[in-house]
Amino acid sequence: MGIFEAKTRFTALCDEVIRTGQPTMVSKRGKPLVLVTPVPSETIADREDILCAWSRWEKSHPGDEDEPDFPDVISLRSLPKPNPLGES
């Protein structure tokens, strides 16, 4: 399949690869570029839930519970912006 057709039909291309299980070669001016293949089922099965991963990470990285994970965005927005040209 040519790259222009793959670009314009990308969703349909992905659906077809998933449905058939067969990879599709994408080329540009007759030269192979990439191979669109379905993700192996064992990759999907081994994927850890994001909440479980976060919980596991927090247990392995104990820290100060009172310290926020993210800075207060509103206070950062009120800081003066530096001049990108370095002029005063």
C-alpha atoms as a PDB file:
ATOM      1  CA  MET A   1       0.000   0.000   0.000  1.00  0.00           C
ATOM      2  CA  GLY A   2       1.303   3.461  -0.844  1.00  0.00           C
ATOM      3  CA  ILE A   3       1.951   5.990   1.893  1.00  0.00           C
ATOM      4  CA  PHE A   4      -0.704   8.427   0.623  1.00  0.00           C
ATOM      5  CA  GLU A   5      -3.373   5.720   0.655  1.00  0.00           C
ATOM      6  CA  ALA A   6      -2.207   4.527   4.090  1.00  0.00           C
ATOM      7  CA  LYS A   7      -2.449   8.094   5.398  1.00  0.00           C
ATOM      8  CA  THR A   8      -5.911   8.722   4.024  1.00  0.00           C
ATOM      9  CA  ARG A   9      -7.229   5.298   5.095  1.00  0.00           C
ATOM     10  CA  PHE A  10      -5.231   4.832   8.311  1.00  0.00           C
ATOM     11  CA  THR A  11      -8.194   3.904  10.517  1.00  0.00           C
ATOM     12  CA  ALA A  12      -9.479   1.420   7.946  1.00  0.00           C
ATOM     13  CA  LEU A  13      -5.948   0.057   7.490  1.00  0.00           C
ATOM     14  CA  CYS A  14      -5.613  -0.536  11.235  1.00  0.00           C
ATOM     15  CA  ASP A  15      -9.045  -2.168  11.382  1.00  0.00           C
ATOM     16  CA  GLU A  16      -8.111  -4.491   8.512  1.00  0.00           C
ATOM     17  CA  VAL A  17      -4.779  -5.468  10.101  1.00  0.00           C
ATOM     18  CA  ILE A  18      -6.545  -6.250  13.382  1.00  0.00           C
ATOM     19  CA  ARG A  19      -9.374  -8.157  11.670  1.00  0.00           C
ATOM     20  CA  THR A  20      -7.139 -10.297   9.446  1.00  0.00           C
ATOM     21  CA  GLY A  21      -4.088 -10.505  11.707  1.00  0.00           C
ATOM     22  CA  GLN A  22      -1.948  -9.980   8.598  1.00  0.00           C
ATOM     23  CA  PRO A  23       0.696  -7.231   8.466  1.00  0.00           C
ATOM     24  CA  THR A  24       0.543  -4.599   5.717  1.00  0.00           C
ATOM     25  CA  MET A  25       3.620  -3.084   4.059  1.00  0.00           C
ATOM     26  CA  VAL A  26       3.526   0.683   3.466  1.00  0.00           C
ATOM     27  CA  SER A  27       5.776   2.019   0.738  1.00  0.00           C
ATOM     28  CA  LYS A  28       6.804   5.347  -0.753  1.00  0.00           C
ATOM     29  CA  ARG A  29       7.538   5.476  -4.470  1.00  0.00           C
ATOM     30  CA  GLY A  30       7.783   1.704  -4.509  1.00  0.00           C
ATOM     31  CA  LYS A  31      10.309   1.489  -1.645  1.00  0.00           C
ATOM     32  CA  PRO A  32       9.160  -0.271   1.537  1.00  0.00           C
ATOM     33  CA  LEU A  33       8.974   2.071   4.556  1.00  0.00           C
ATOM     34  CA  VAL A  34       7.133   0.395   7.417  1.00  0.00           C
ATOM     35  CA  LEU A  35       5.203  -2.715   8.272  1.00  0.00           C
ATOM     36  CA  VAL A  36       1.887  -2.220  10.100  1.00  0.00           C
ATOM     37  CA  THR A  37       1.327  -5.289  12.259  1.00  0.00           C
ATOM     38  CA  PRO A  38      -1.118  -6.213  15.005  1.00  0.00           C
ATOM     39  CA  VAL A  39       0.170  -6.020  18.576  1.00  0.00           C
ATOM     40  CA  PRO A  40       0.928  -9.523  19.886  1.00  0.00           C
ATOM     41  CA  SER A  41      -1.757 -10.705  22.319  1.00  0.00           C
ATOM     42  CA  GLU A  42       0.842 -11.499  25.008  1.00  0.00           C
ATOM     43  CA  THR A  43       1.891  -7.826  24.967  1.00  0.00           C
ATOM     44  CA  ILE A  44      -1.668  -6.748  25.710  1.00  0.00           C
ATOM     45  CA  ALA A  45      -2.153  -9.436  28.367  1.00  0.00           C
ATOM     46  CA  ASP A  46       1.043  -8.424  30.226  1.00  0.00           C
ATOM     47  CA  ARG A  47       0.119  -4.739  30.327  1.00  0.00           C
ATOM     48  CA  GLU A  48      -0.241  -3.569  33.915  1.00  0.00           C
ATOM     49  CA  ASP A  49      -3.174  -1.417  34.989  1.00  0.00           C
ATOM     50  CA  ILE A  50      -2.084   2.220  35.490  1.00  0.00           C
ATOM     51  CA  LEU A  51      -3.471   2.416  39.037  1.00  0.00           C
ATOM     52  CA  CYS A  52      -1.674  -0.771  40.054  1.00  0.00           C
ATOM     53  CA  ALA A  53       1.567   0.530  38.539  1.00  0.00           C
ATOM     54  CA  TRP A  54       1.201   3.872  40.338  1.00  0.00           C
ATOM     55  CA  SER A  55       0.487   2.158  43.657  1.00  0.00           C
ATOM     56  CA  ARG A  56       3.507  -0.128  43.209  1.00  0.00           C
ATOM     57  CA  TRP A  57       5.698   2.870  42.328  1.00  0.00           C
ATOM     58  CA  GLU A  58       4.552   4.850  45.396  1.00  0.00           C
ATOM     59  CA  LYS A  59       5.338   1.890  47.664  1.00  0.00           C
ATOM     60  CA  SER A  60       8.849   1.615  46.228  1.00  0.00           C
ATOM     61  CA  HIS A  61       9.441   5.410  46.478  1.00  0.00           C
ATOM     62  CA  PRO A  62       8.365   6.459  49.961  1.00  0.00           C
ATOM     63  CA  GLY A  63       8.375  10.197  50.494  1.00  0.00           C
ATOM     64  CA  ASP A  64       6.917  12.992  52.525  1.00  0.00           C
ATOM     65  CA  GLU A  65       3.145  12.553  52.453  1.00  0.00           C
ATOM     66  CA  ASP A  66       2.640  16.279  53.171  1.00  0.00           C
ATOM     67  CA  GLU A  67       4.599  17.322  50.084  1.00  0.00           C
ATOM     68  CA  PRO A  68       2.339  17.766  47.036  1.00  0.00           C
ATOM     69  CA  ASP A  69       3.075  15.735  43.926  1.00  0.00           C
ATOM     70  CA  PHE A  70       2.662  18.745  41.658  1.00  0.00           C
ATOM     71  CA  PRO A  71       3.404  22.446  42.238  1.00  0.00           C
ATOM     72  CA  ASP A  72       0.552  24.891  42.503  1.00  0.00           C
ATOM     73  CA  VAL A  73      -0.017  25.855  38.864  1.00  0.00           C
ATOM     74  CA  ILE A  74      -1.837  29.095  39.671  1.00  0.00           C
ATOM     75  CA  SER A  75       1.117  30.409  41.668  1.00  0.00           C
ATOM     76  CA  LEU A  76       3.480  29.543  38.822  1.00  0.00           C
ATOM     77  CA  ARG A  77       1.280  31.434  36.367  1.00  0.00           C
ATOM     78  CA  SER A  78       1.624  34.610  38.420  1.00  0.00           C
ATOM     79  CA  LEU A  79       5.440  34.607  38.140  1.00  0.00           C
ATOM     80  CA  PRO A  80       6.880  37.146  35.694  1.00  0.00           C
ATOM     81  CA  LYS A  81       7.735  35.719  32.303  1.00  0.00           C
ATOM     82  CA  PRO A  82      11.381  36.038  31.217  1.00  0.00           C
ATOM     83  CA  ASN A  83      12.055  38.017  28.069  1.00  0.00           C
ATOM     84  CA  PRO A  84      12.985  35.472  25.361  1.00  0.00           C
ATOM     85  CA  LEU A  85      15.398  38.016  23.819  1.00  0.00           C
ATOM     86  CA  GLY A  86      17.205  38.513  27.109  1.00  0.00           C
ATOM     87  CA  GLU A  87      16.444  42.259  27.126  1.00  0.00           C
ATOM     88  CA  SER A  88      15.221  44.172  30.142  1.00  0.00           C
END
